[in-house]
Amino acid sequence: MNISVVIPLLNEEESLKELHDWIAQVMQSNRFSYEILFIDDGSTDKSWEVIEQLSNQNPNVKGIQFLKNYGKSQALHAGFAQANGNVIITMDADLQDNPEEIPELYNMVVSQNYDMVSGWKKKRYDSVFAKNLPSKLFNWAARKTSGVKLNDFNCGLKAYHKNVIKNIEVRGEMHRYIPVLAKNAGFLRIGQKVVKHQARKYGKTKFGADRFIHGFLDLITIWFLSRFGKRPMHLFGALGVLMFFIGFGFAVYLGIDKLFFNPYGRLITQRPQFYLALATMIIGSQFFIAGFLGELILRSKDSKKRYLIKKEININ
């Protein structure tokens, strides 16, 4: 199979049929073998009923319905697990991503040997202050922190070679950083393509301003995981040893000063250096223990599923 199109969605009943028809027309005109995987992330409208109708009309349509809203990352994880295409295209269900971009994205992966290609919405139709400016700041910070030179990390329109999505794990709210996860896994051929961005035709956006706060927190998390995720003792152990020896040095200084230079002066417990030494040694010990516990946790990785599926359509 040439292409799997993975579409996470939440309450997008009005746009689904139009999106499906558009994707099907692009696939048929380019003679691609394809499947469309709709991942219903706990919609409360009639999105699932629309997906069922589309699957009855088109056997290439598959659907997964979550029991409740688990988030976009979990929806992508479920879609990636079921995707069978050689190239996997992800896109949003709100018609802001243009399916006409799919053939060129596919060719960049197949013919130009990219591991993944990210869309870049260079011209956007979103609010300047609510989305555009925060997005520019967010993308700048992501580039500087990760070393991945993309202009638009958060664009939903992306293309992946199947080896990428089968070898990375999208958890939490890490869907924004799939390019970084791919790089950390060893997939270094990451490109981008300017894509058309369209104004939302139906409904309202499901993301608020808090997504940028969460995005920056996730960025810090992925920075830490990329450098110390496999060796937490290297960070926490080093900090712990450093702080412990700083505190120990103050303690030695206080002891020598009291015994040999100022035996009749203030009590050691009345000197601020005593509390500085005590605090740094305790914190250093805690850092060291945190690193040790992190190493133990890595060896007992949790494999529990992070979402519950209510229904499936055409899923083998």
C-alpha atoms as a PDB file:
ATOM      1  CA  MET A   1       0.000   0.000   0.000  1.00  0.00           C
ATOM      2  CA  ASN A   2       1.329   3.441  -0.939  1.00  0.00           C
ATOM      3  CA  ILE A   3      -0.196   5.788   1.614  1.00  0.00           C
ATOM      4  CA  SER A   4      -1.925   5.713   4.979  1.00  0.00           C
ATOM      5  CA  VAL A   5      -3.631   8.969   5.947  1.00  0.00           C
ATOM      6  CA  VAL A   6      -3.992   9.250   9.731  1.00  0.00           C
ATOM      7  CA  ILE A   7      -6.511  11.878  10.876  1.00  0.00           C
ATOM      8  CA  PRO A   8      -7.075  12.511  14.597  1.00  0.00           C
ATOM      9  CA  LEU A   9     -10.279  14.399  15.269  1.00  0.00           C
ATOM     10  CA  LEU A  10     -12.551  15.784  17.946  1.00  0.00           C
ATOM     11  CA  ASN A  11     -16.073  17.008  17.122  1.00  0.00           C
ATOM     12  CA  GLU A  12     -15.548  17.611  13.393  1.00  0.00           C
ATOM     13  CA  GLU A  13     -18.755  16.087  11.973  1.00  0.00           C
ATOM     14  CA  GLU A  14     -19.315  18.942   9.519  1.00  0.00           C
ATOM     15  CA  SER A  15     -15.946  18.666   7.782  1.00  0.00           C
ATOM     16  CA  LEU A  16     -15.393  14.884   7.623  1.00  0.00           C
ATOM     17  CA  LYS A  17     -17.300  14.036   4.431  1.00  0.00           C
ATOM     18  CA  GLU A  18     -15.817  16.955   2.512  1.00  0.00           C
ATOM     19  CA  LEU A  19     -12.329  16.028   3.718  1.00  0.00           C
ATOM     20  CA  HIS A  20     -12.831  12.365   2.805  1.00  0.00           C
ATOM     21  CA  ASP A  21     -14.065  13.197  -0.682  1.00  0.00           C
ATOM     22  CA  TRP A  22     -11.138  15.545  -1.258  1.00  0.00           C
ATOM     23  CA  ILE A  23      -8.556  12.977  -0.111  1.00  0.00           C
ATOM     24  CA  ALA A  24     -10.191  10.197  -2.164  1.00  0.00           C
ATOM     25  CA  GLN A  25     -10.183  12.390  -5.278  1.00  0.00           C
ATOM     26  CA  VAL A  26      -6.448  13.157  -4.830  1.00  0.00           C
ATOM     27  CA  MET A  27      -5.623   9.475  -4.278  1.00  0.00           C
ATOM     28  CA  GLN A  28      -7.607   8.274  -7.281  1.00  0.00           C
ATOM     29  CA  SER A  29      -6.254  10.938  -9.629  1.00  0.00           C
ATOM     30  CA  ASN A  30      -2.693   9.939  -8.679  1.00  0.00           C
ATOM     31  CA  ARG A  31      -3.494   6.199  -8.684  1.00  0.00           C
ATOM     32  CA  PHE A  32      -2.288   5.677  -5.135  1.00  0.00           C
ATOM     33  CA  SER A  33      -3.326   2.643  -3.147  1.00  0.00           C
ATOM     34  CA  TYR A  34      -4.396   4.090   0.181  1.00  0.00           C
ATOM     35  CA  GLU A  35      -6.279   3.907   3.445  1.00  0.00           C
ATOM     36  CA  ILE A  36      -7.778   6.668   5.557  1.00  0.00           C
ATOM     37  CA  LEU A  37      -7.679   6.138   9.316  1.00  0.00           C
ATOM     38  CA  PHE A  38     -10.020   8.407  11.263  1.00  0.00           C
ATOM     39  CA  ILE A  39      -9.189   8.427  14.998  1.00  0.00           C
ATOM     40  CA  ASP A  40     -12.191   9.765  16.918  1.00  0.00           C
ATOM     41  CA  ASP A  41     -10.731  11.138  20.140  1.00  0.00           C
ATOM     42  CA  GLY A  42     -13.926  10.962  22.197  1.00  0.00           C
ATOM     43  CA  SER A  43     -16.177  13.202  20.082  1.00  0.00           C
ATOM     44  CA  THR A  44     -19.548  14.148  21.568  1.00  0.00           C
ATOM     45  CA  ASP A  45     -21.156  15.107  18.244  1.00  0.00           C
ATOM     46  CA  LYS A  46     -22.014  12.812  15.304  1.00  0.00           C
ATOM     47  CA  SER A  47     -18.446  12.402  14.050  1.00  0.00           C
ATOM     48  CA  TRP A  48     -18.433   8.641  14.589  1.00  0.00           C
ATOM     49  CA  GLU A  49     -21.725   8.195  12.724  1.00  0.00           C
ATOM     50  CA  VAL A  50     -20.223  10.077   9.771  1.00  0.00           C
ATOM     51  CA  ILE A  51     -17.124   7.833   9.865  1.00  0.00           C
ATOM     52  CA  GLU A  52     -19.362   4.736   9.837  1.00  0.00           C
ATOM     53  CA  GLN A  53     -21.223   6.071   6.801  1.00  0.00           C
ATOM     54  CA  LEU A  54     -17.975   6.826   4.976  1.00  0.00           C
ATOM     55  CA  SER A  55     -16.631   3.330   5.713  1.00  0.00           C
ATOM     56  CA  ASN A  56     -19.780   1.813   4.210  1.00  0.00           C
ATOM     57  CA  GLN A  57     -19.245   3.849   1.046  1.00  0.00           C
ATOM     58  CA  ASN A  58     -15.472   3.409   0.830  1.00  0.00           C
ATOM     59  CA  PRO A  59     -13.718   0.218   2.061  1.00  0.00           C
ATOM     60  CA  ASN A  60     -10.457   2.184   2.298  1.00  0.00           C
ATOM     61  CA  VAL A  61     -11.859   4.094   5.269  1.00  0.00           C
ATOM     62  CA  LYS A  62     -11.001   2.757   8.710  1.00  0.00           C
ATOM     63  CA  GLY A  63     -11.990   4.145  12.069  1.00  0.00           C
ATOM     64  CA  ILE A  64     -11.013   3.967  15.720  1.00  0.00           C
ATOM     65  CA  GLN A  65     -13.224   5.476  18.395  1.00  0.00           C
ATOM     66  CA  PHE A  66     -11.796   6.239  21.832  1.00  0.00           C
ATOM     67  CA  LEU A  67     -13.926   5.755  24.919  1.00  0.00           C
ATOM     68  CA  LYS A  68     -13.215   9.361  25.908  1.00  0.00           C
ATOM     69  CA  ASN A  69     -10.940  12.253  24.968  1.00  0.00           C
ATOM     70  CA  TYR A  70      -7.318  11.168  25.512  1.00  0.00           C
ATOM     71  CA  GLY A  71      -5.527  13.790  23.419  1.00  0.00           C
ATOM     72  CA  LYS A  72      -3.974  14.103  19.989  1.00  0.00           C
ATOM     73  CA  SER A  73      -0.792  12.211  20.872  1.00  0.00           C
ATOM     74  CA  GLN A  74      -2.721   9.123  21.910  1.00  0.00           C
ATOM     75  CA  ALA A  75      -4.847   9.344  18.752  1.00  0.00           C
ATOM     76  CA  LEU A  76      -1.728   9.467  16.584  1.00  0.00           C
ATOM     77  CA  HIS A  77      -0.235   6.566  18.529  1.00  0.00           C
ATOM     78  CA  ALA A  78      -3.308   4.441  17.816  1.00  0.00           C
ATOM     79  CA  GLY A  79      -3.321   5.443  14.151  1.00  0.00           C
ATOM     80  CA  PHE A  80       0.380   4.740  13.700  1.00  0.00           C
ATOM     81  CA  ALA A  81      -0.053   1.277  15.216  1.00  0.00           C
ATOM     82  CA  GLN A  82      -2.661   0.367  12.580  1.00  0.00           C
ATOM     83  CA  ALA A  83      -1.164   2.142   9.543  1.00  0.00           C
ATOM     84  CA  ASN A  84      -0.088  -0.193   6.716  1.00  0.00           C
ATOM     85  CA  GLY A  85       1.155   2.264   4.080  1.00  0.00           C
ATOM     86  CA  ASN A  86       4.758   2.728   3.011  1.00  0.00           C
ATOM     87  CA  VAL A  87       4.289   6.448   3.646  1.00  0.00           C
ATOM     88  CA  ILE A  88       2.108   7.778   6.462  1.00  0.00           C
ATOM     89  CA  ILE A  89       0.493  11.199   6.076  1.00  0.00           C
ATOM     90  CA  THR A  90      -0.932  12.956   9.120  1.00  0.00           C
ATOM     91  CA  MET A  91      -3.334  15.852   8.811  1.00  0.00           C
ATOM     92  CA  ASP A  92      -5.983  17.646  10.838  1.00  0.00           C
ATOM     93  CA  ALA A  93      -9.687  17.113  10.226  1.00  0.00           C
ATOM     94  CA  ASP A  94     -10.713  20.788  10.139  1.00  0.00           C
ATOM     95  CA  LEU A  95      -9.985  21.333   6.404  1.00  0.00           C
ATOM     96  CA  GLN A  96      -7.155  23.756   7.203  1.00  0.00           C
ATOM     97  CA  ASP A  97      -4.687  21.236   5.732  1.00  0.00           C
ATOM     98  CA  ASN A  98      -4.849  20.840   1.960  1.00  0.00           C
ATOM     99  CA  PRO A  99      -4.920  17.223   0.634  1.00  0.00           C
ATOM    100  CA  GLU A 100      -3.505  18.476  -2.678  1.00  0.00           C
ATOM    101  CA  GLU A 101      -0.124  18.586  -0.898  1.00  0.00           C
ATOM    102  CA  ILE A 102      -0.093  14.801  -0.385  1.00  0.00           C
ATOM    103  CA  PRO A 103       1.463  13.722  -3.734  1.00  0.00           C
ATOM    104  CA  GLU A 104       4.492  15.990  -3.355  1.00  0.00           C
ATOM    105  CA  LEU A 105       4.976  15.005   0.291  1.00  0.00           C
ATOM    106  CA  TYR A 106       4.825  11.359  -0.786  1.00  0.00           C
ATOM    107  CA  ASN A 107       7.391  11.903  -3.516  1.00  0.00           C
ATOM    108  CA  MET A 108       9.778  13.681  -1.141  1.00  0.00           C
ATOM    109  CA  VAL A 109       9.784  10.605   1.116  1.00  0.00           C
ATOM    110  CA  VAL A 110       9.910   7.998  -1.673  1.00  0.00           C
ATOM    111  CA  SER A 111      12.040   9.693  -4.328  1.00  0.00           C
ATOM    112  CA  GLN A 112      14.197  12.043  -2.257  1.00  0.00           C
ATOM    113  CA  ASN A 113      14.677   9.546   0.585  1.00  0.00           C
ATOM    114  CA  TYR A 114      13.513  11.769   3.418  1.00  0.00           C
ATOM    115  CA  ASP A 115      12.672   9.982   6.648  1.00  0.00           C
ATOM    116  CA  MET A 116       9.978  12.566   7.296  1.00  0.00           C
ATOM    117  CA  VAL A 117       8.765  15.835   5.825  1.00  0.00           C
ATOM    118  CA  SER A 118       6.984  18.483   7.881  1.00  0.00           C
ATOM    119  CA  GLY A 119       4.598  21.024   6.451  1.00  0.00           C
ATOM    120  CA  TRP A 120       5.353  24.709   6.930  1.00  0.00           C
ATOM    121  CA  LYS A 121       2.348  27.014   7.026  1.00  0.00           C
ATOM    122  CA  LYS A 122       4.317  30.050   5.927  1.00  0.00           C
ATOM    123  CA  LYS A 123       1.169  32.110   5.334  1.00  0.00           C
ATOM    124  CA  ARG A 124      -1.386  31.558   8.061  1.00  0.00           C
ATOM    125  CA  TYR A 125      -5.010  32.586   8.436  1.00  0.00           C
ATOM    126  CA  ASP A 126      -5.070  32.462  12.231  1.00  0.00           C
ATOM    127  CA  SER A 127      -5.194  35.308  14.727  1.00  0.00           C
ATOM    128  CA  VAL A 128      -1.869  37.191  14.811  1.00  0.00           C
ATOM    129  CA  PHE A 129      -1.716  37.661  18.578  1.00  0.00           C
ATOM    130  CA  ALA A 130      -3.552  34.531  19.703  1.00  0.00           C
ATOM    131  CA  LYS A 131      -1.705  32.045  17.470  1.00  0.00           C
ATOM    132  CA  ASN A 132       0.839  33.447  15.016  1.00  0.00           C
ATOM    133  CA  LEU A 133       3.188  35.296  17.376  1.00  0.00           C
ATOM    134  CA  PRO A 134       3.139  32.631  20.125  1.00  0.00           C
ATOM    135  CA  SER A 135       3.702  29.998  17.421  1.00  0.00           C
ATOM    136  CA  LYS A 136       6.774  31.832  16.088  1.00  0.00           C
ATOM    137  CA  LEU A 137       8.240  32.057  19.598  1.00  0.00           C
ATOM    138  CA  PHE A 138       7.462  28.422  20.256  1.00  0.00           C
ATOM    139  CA  ASN A 139       9.080  27.270  16.992  1.00  0.00           C
ATOM    140  CA  TRP A 140      12.184  29.391  17.646  1.00  0.00           C
ATOM    141  CA  ALA A 141      12.623  27.830  21.093  1.00  0.00           C
ATOM    142  CA  ALA A 142      12.069  24.335  19.677  1.00  0.00           C
ATOM    143  CA  ARG A 143      14.721  24.864  16.982  1.00  0.00           C
ATOM    144  CA  LYS A 144      17.282  26.182  19.448  1.00  0.00           C
ATOM    145  CA  THR A 145      16.648  23.440  21.988  1.00  0.00           C
ATOM    146  CA  SER A 146      16.352  20.428  19.692  1.00  0.00           C
ATOM    147  CA  GLY A 147      18.695  21.296  16.832  1.00  0.00           C
ATOM    148  CA  VAL A 148      15.990  20.316  14.301  1.00  0.00           C
ATOM    149  CA  LYS A 149      15.784  23.096  11.715  1.00  0.00           C
ATOM    150  CA  LEU A 150      12.047  23.310  11.080  1.00  0.00           C
ATOM    151  CA  ASN A 151       9.968  26.462  10.830  1.00  0.00           C
ATOM    152  CA  ASP A 152       6.683  24.898  11.915  1.00  0.00           C
ATOM    153  CA  PHE A 153       6.853  22.047  14.424  1.00  0.00           C
ATOM    154  CA  ASN A 154       3.141  22.170  15.142  1.00  0.00           C
ATOM    155  CA  CYS A 155       1.860  21.783  11.575  1.00  0.00           C
ATOM    156  CA  GLY A 156      -0.451  18.762  11.481  1.00  0.00           C
ATOM    157  CA  LEU A 157       0.382  17.988   7.843  1.00  0.00           C
ATOM    158  CA  LYS A 158       3.428  15.711   7.843  1.00  0.00           C
ATOM    159  CA  ALA A 159       4.713  12.708   5.900  1.00  0.00           C
ATOM    160  CA  TYR A 160       6.676   9.826   7.404  1.00  0.00           C
ATOM    161  CA  HIS A 161       8.418   6.770   6.084  1.00  0.00           C
ATOM    162  CA  LYS A 162       6.814   3.750   7.740  1.00  0.00           C
ATOM    163  CA  ASN A 163      10.067   2.909   9.557  1.00  0.00           C
ATOM    164  CA  VAL A 164       9.828   6.176  11.482  1.00  0.00           C
ATOM    165  CA  ILE A 165       6.361   5.765  12.923  1.00  0.00           C
ATOM    166  CA  LYS A 166       6.963   2.108  13.774  1.00  0.00           C
ATOM    167  CA  ASN A 167      10.073   2.947  15.795  1.00  0.00           C
ATOM    168  CA  ILE A 168       9.064   5.984  17.827  1.00  0.00           C
ATOM    169  CA  GLU A 169       6.535   6.242  20.616  1.00  0.00           C
ATOM    170  CA  VAL A 170       4.269   9.280  20.875  1.00  0.00           C
ATOM    171  CA  ARG A 171       3.075   9.775  24.452  1.00  0.00           C
ATOM    172  CA  GLY A 172       1.810  12.558  26.701  1.00  0.00           C
ATOM    173  CA  GLU A 173       1.451  15.634  24.490  1.00  0.00           C
ATOM    174  CA  MET A 174       4.569  14.974  22.440  1.00  0.00           C
ATOM    175  CA  HIS A 175       2.840  15.102  19.033  1.00  0.00           C
ATOM    176  CA  ARG A 176       4.368  18.560  18.550  1.00  0.00           C
ATOM    177  CA  TYR A 177       7.831  17.050  18.793  1.00  0.00           C
ATOM    178  CA  ILE A 178       7.628  13.992  16.567  1.00  0.00           C
ATOM    179  CA  PRO A 179      10.482  15.427  14.430  1.00  0.00           C
ATOM    180  CA  VAL A 180      12.631  15.601  17.578  1.00  0.00           C
ATOM    181  CA  LEU A 181      11.640  12.071  18.583  1.00  0.00           C
ATOM    182  CA  ALA A 182      12.563  10.907  15.075  1.00  0.00           C
ATOM    183  CA  LYS A 183      15.947  12.634  15.263  1.00  0.00           C
ATOM    184  CA  ASN A 184      16.669  11.120  18.679  1.00  0.00           C
ATOM    185  CA  ALA A 185      15.818   7.673  17.257  1.00  0.00           C
ATOM    186  CA  GLY A 186      18.401   8.134  14.490  1.00  0.00           C
ATOM    187  CA  PHE A 187      16.203   9.308  11.595  1.00  0.00           C
ATOM    188  CA  LEU A 188      18.194  12.355  10.510  1.00  0.00           C
ATOM    189  CA  ARG A 189      16.820  13.088   7.027  1.00  0.00           C
ATOM    190  CA  ILE A 190      14.113  15.518   8.112  1.00  0.00           C
ATOM    191  CA  GLY A 191      12.828  18.051   5.610  1.00  0.00           C
ATOM    192  CA  GLN A 192      10.070  20.593   5.283  1.00  0.00           C
ATOM    193  CA  LYS A 193       7.756  21.860   2.576  1.00  0.00           C
ATOM    194  CA  VAL A 194       5.771  25.075   2.371  1.00  0.00           C
ATOM    195  CA  VAL A 195       2.088  24.079   2.378  1.00  0.00           C
ATOM    196  CA  LYS A 196      -1.146  25.949   1.891  1.00  0.00           C
ATOM    197  CA  HIS A 197      -2.991  26.933   5.044  1.00  0.00           C
ATOM    198  CA  GLN A 198      -6.725  27.504   4.802  1.00  0.00           C
ATOM    199  CA  ALA A 199      -9.089  29.332   7.109  1.00  0.00           C
ATOM    200  CA  ARG A 200     -11.262  27.098   9.283  1.00  0.00           C
ATOM    201  CA  LYS A 201     -14.519  26.434   7.440  1.00  0.00           C
ATOM    202  CA  TYR A 202     -16.600  24.801  10.196  1.00  0.00           C
ATOM    203  CA  GLY A 203     -16.730  24.993  13.962  1.00  0.00           C
ATOM    204  CA  LYS A 204     -14.106  26.363  16.337  1.00  0.00           C
ATOM    205  CA  THR A 205     -10.559  25.401  17.187  1.00  0.00           C
ATOM    206  CA  LYS A 206     -10.188  22.781  19.926  1.00  0.00           C
ATOM    207  CA  PHE A 207      -6.907  24.255  21.190  1.00  0.00           C
ATOM    208  CA  GLY A 208      -6.592  27.217  23.533  1.00  0.00           C
ATOM    209  CA  ALA A 209      -3.718  29.450  24.581  1.00  0.00           C
ATOM    210  CA  ASP A 210      -2.721  26.900  27.231  1.00  0.00           C
ATOM    211  CA  ARG A 211      -1.317  24.665  24.476  1.00  0.00           C
ATOM    212  CA  PHE A 212       1.704  26.975  24.223  1.00  0.00           C
ATOM    213  CA  ILE A 213       2.374  26.672  27.956  1.00  0.00           C
ATOM    214  CA  HIS A 214       2.076  22.899  27.691  1.00  0.00           C
ATOM    215  CA  GLY A 215       4.227  23.015  24.573  1.00  0.00           C
ATOM    216  CA  PHE A 216       7.116  24.744  26.329  1.00  0.00           C
ATOM    217  CA  LEU A 217       6.886  22.362  29.282  1.00  0.00           C
ATOM    218  CA  ASP A 218       6.946  19.425  26.861  1.00  0.00           C
ATOM    219  CA  LEU A 219       9.945  20.990  25.150  1.00  0.00           C
ATOM    220  CA  ILE A 220      11.863  20.996  28.436  1.00  0.00           C
ATOM    221  CA  THR A 221      10.833  17.386  29.000  1.00  0.00           C
ATOM    222  CA  ILE A 222      11.975  16.218  25.591  1.00  0.00           C
ATOM    223  CA  TRP A 223      15.246  18.149  25.938  1.00  0.00           C
ATOM    224  CA  PHE A 224      15.923  16.292  29.175  1.00  0.00           C
ATOM    225  CA  LEU A 225      14.855  12.925  27.763  1.00  0.00           C
ATOM    226  CA  SER A 226      16.975  13.317  24.640  1.00  0.00           C
ATOM    227  CA  ARG A 227      20.101  13.939  26.703  1.00  0.00           C
ATOM    228  CA  PHE A 228      19.560  12.026  29.933  1.00  0.00           C
ATOM    229  CA  GLY A 229      16.541   9.783  29.300  1.00  0.00           C
ATOM    230  CA  LYS A 230      18.755   6.696  29.116  1.00  0.00           C
ATOM    231  CA  ARG A 231      21.184   7.787  31.827  1.00  0.00           C
ATOM    232  CA  PRO A 232      19.495   9.917  34.519  1.00  0.00           C
ATOM    233  CA  MET A 233      22.319   9.205  36.947  1.00  0.00           C
ATOM    234  CA  HIS A 234      24.664  11.208  34.708  1.00  0.00           C
ATOM    235  CA  LEU A 235      22.682  14.376  35.499  1.00  0.00           C
ATOM    236  CA  PHE A 236      21.267  13.821  38.966  1.00  0.00           C
ATOM    237  CA  GLY A 237      24.298  11.908  40.195  1.00  0.00           C
ATOM    238  CA  ALA A 238      26.701  14.615  39.014  1.00  0.00           C
ATOM    239  CA  LEU A 239      24.586  17.386  40.585  1.00  0.00           C
ATOM    240  CA  GLY A 240      24.253  15.370  43.787  1.00  0.00           C
ATOM    241  CA  VAL A 241      27.977  14.718  44.128  1.00  0.00           C
ATOM    242  CA  LEU A 242      28.797  18.373  43.350  1.00  0.00           C
ATOM    243  CA  MET A 243      26.365  19.754  45.931  1.00  0.00           C
ATOM    244  CA  PHE A 244      27.375  17.181  48.548  1.00  0.00           C
ATOM    245  CA  PHE A 245      31.058  18.110  48.242  1.00  0.00           C
ATOM    246  CA  ILE A 246      30.239  21.825  48.400  1.00  0.00           C
ATOM    247  CA  GLY A 247      28.399  21.198  51.670  1.00  0.00           C
ATOM    248  CA  PHE A 248      31.121  18.879  52.909  1.00  0.00           C
ATOM    249  CA  GLY A 249      33.730  21.552  52.144  1.00  0.00           C
ATOM    250  CA  PHE A 250      31.827  24.109  54.256  1.00  0.00           C
ATOM    251  CA  ALA A 251      31.555  21.551  57.066  1.00  0.00           C
ATOM    252  CA  VAL A 252      35.313  20.873  56.989  1.00  0.00           C
ATOM    253  CA  TYR A 253      36.013  24.603  56.986  1.00  0.00           C
ATOM    254  CA  LEU A 254      33.765  25.139  60.025  1.00  0.00           C
ATOM    255  CA  GLY A 255      35.358  22.240  61.873  1.00  0.00           C
ATOM    256  CA  ILE A 256      38.948  23.405  61.265  1.00  0.00           C
ATOM    257  CA  ASP A 257      38.059  26.999  62.132  1.00  0.00           C
ATOM    258  CA  LYS A 258      36.404  25.924  65.385  1.00  0.00           C
ATOM    259  CA  LEU A 259      39.167  23.525  66.449  1.00  0.00           C
ATOM    260  CA  PHE A 260      42.273  25.495  65.538  1.00  0.00           C
ATOM    261  CA  PHE A 261      41.554  29.162  64.832  1.00  0.00           C
ATOM    262  CA  ASN A 262      38.532  30.301  66.828  1.00  0.00           C
ATOM    263  CA  PRO A 263      37.738  27.732  69.546  1.00  0.00           C
ATOM    264  CA  TYR A 264      36.035  30.266  71.831  1.00  0.00           C
ATOM    265  CA  GLY A 265      33.951  32.018  69.184  1.00  0.00           C
ATOM    266  CA  ARG A 266      30.326  31.472  68.238  1.00  0.00           C
ATOM    267  CA  LEU A 267      28.854  28.008  68.278  1.00  0.00           C
ATOM    268  CA  ILE A 268      28.938  26.292  64.893  1.00  0.00           C
ATOM    269  CA  THR A 269      25.135  26.112  64.890  1.00  0.00           C
ATOM    270  CA  GLN A 270      24.984  29.909  65.168  1.00  0.00           C
ATOM    271  CA  ARG A 271      26.917  30.415  61.948  1.00  0.00           C
ATOM    272  CA  PRO A 272      25.077  30.609  58.586  1.00  0.00           C
ATOM    273  CA  GLN A 273      27.721  28.433  56.941  1.00  0.00           C
ATOM    274  CA  PHE A 274      26.526  25.522  59.067  1.00  0.00           C
ATOM    275  CA  TYR A 275      23.026  25.637  57.579  1.00  0.00           C
ATOM    276  CA  LEU A 276      24.426  26.139  54.089  1.00  0.00           C
ATOM    277  CA  ALA A 277      26.587  23.049  54.517  1.00  0.00           C
ATOM    278  CA  LEU A 278      23.692  21.027  55.940  1.00  0.00           C
ATOM    279  CA  ALA A 279      21.245  22.053  53.206  1.00  0.00           C
ATOM    280  CA  THR A 280      23.620  21.398  50.300  1.00  0.00           C
ATOM    281  CA  MET A 281      24.624  17.967  51.622  1.00  0.00           C
ATOM    282  CA  ILE A 282      20.975  16.960  52.080  1.00  0.00           C
ATOM    283  CA  ILE A 283      19.978  18.254  48.620  1.00  0.00           C
ATOM    284  CA  GLY A 284      23.020  16.587  47.072  1.00  0.00           C
ATOM    285  CA  SER A 285      22.061  13.280  48.644  1.00  0.00           C
ATOM    286  CA  GLN A 286      18.506  13.671  47.324  1.00  0.00           C
ATOM    287  CA  PHE A 287      19.741  14.375  43.792  1.00  0.00           C
ATOM    288  CA  PHE A 288      21.930  11.284  43.926  1.00  0.00           C
ATOM    289  CA  ILE A 289      19.008   9.141  45.136  1.00  0.00           C
ATOM    290  CA  ALA A 290      16.774  10.608  42.383  1.00  0.00           C
ATOM    291  CA  GLY A 291      19.300   9.527  39.750  1.00  0.00           C
ATOM    292  CA  PHE A 292      19.539   6.065  41.274  1.00  0.00           C
ATOM    293  CA  LEU A 293      15.741   5.690  41.324  1.00  0.00           C
ATOM    294  CA  GLY A 294      15.568   6.915  37.718  1.00  0.00           C
ATOM    295  CA  GLU A 295      17.950   4.132  36.677  1.00  0.00           C
ATOM    296  CA  LEU A 296      15.746   1.574  38.466  1.00  0.00           C
ATOM    297  CA  ILE A 297      12.576   2.908  36.796  1.00  0.00           C
ATOM    298  CA  LEU A 298      14.160   2.604  33.343  1.00  0.00           C
ATOM    299  CA  ARG A 299      14.596  -1.106  33.960  1.00  0.00           C
ATOM    300  CA  SER A 300      10.920  -1.611  34.755  1.00  0.00           C
ATOM    301  CA  LYS A 301       9.304   0.315  31.874  1.00  0.00           C
ATOM    302  CA  ASP A 302       5.525   0.474  32.003  1.00  0.00           C
ATOM    303  CA  SER A 303       3.873  -1.045  28.927  1.00  0.00           C
ATOM    304  CA  LYS A 304       0.273  -0.325  29.985  1.00  0.00           C
ATOM    305  CA  LYS A 305      -1.968   1.049  27.224  1.00  0.00           C
ATOM    306  CA  ARG A 306      -2.705   4.750  27.607  1.00  0.00           C
ATOM    307  CA  TYR A 307      -6.153   4.787  26.003  1.00  0.00           C
ATOM    308  CA  LEU A 308      -9.263   2.594  25.702  1.00  0.00           C
ATOM    309  CA  ILE A 309     -10.867   1.922  22.339  1.00  0.00           C
ATOM    310  CA  LYS A 310     -14.663   1.784  22.220  1.00  0.00           C
ATOM    311  CA  LYS A 311     -15.228   0.710  18.592  1.00  0.00           C
ATOM    312  CA  GLU A 312     -13.243  -0.044  15.437  1.00  0.00           C
ATOM    313  CA  ILE A 313     -14.071  -0.148  11.726  1.00  0.00           C
ATOM    314  CA  ASN A 314     -12.148  -2.278   9.190  1.00  0.00           C
ATOM    315  CA  ILE A 315      -9.277  -2.763  11.652  1.00  0.00           C
ATOM    316  CA  ASN A 316      -7.560  -6.106  11.254  1.00  0.00           C
END
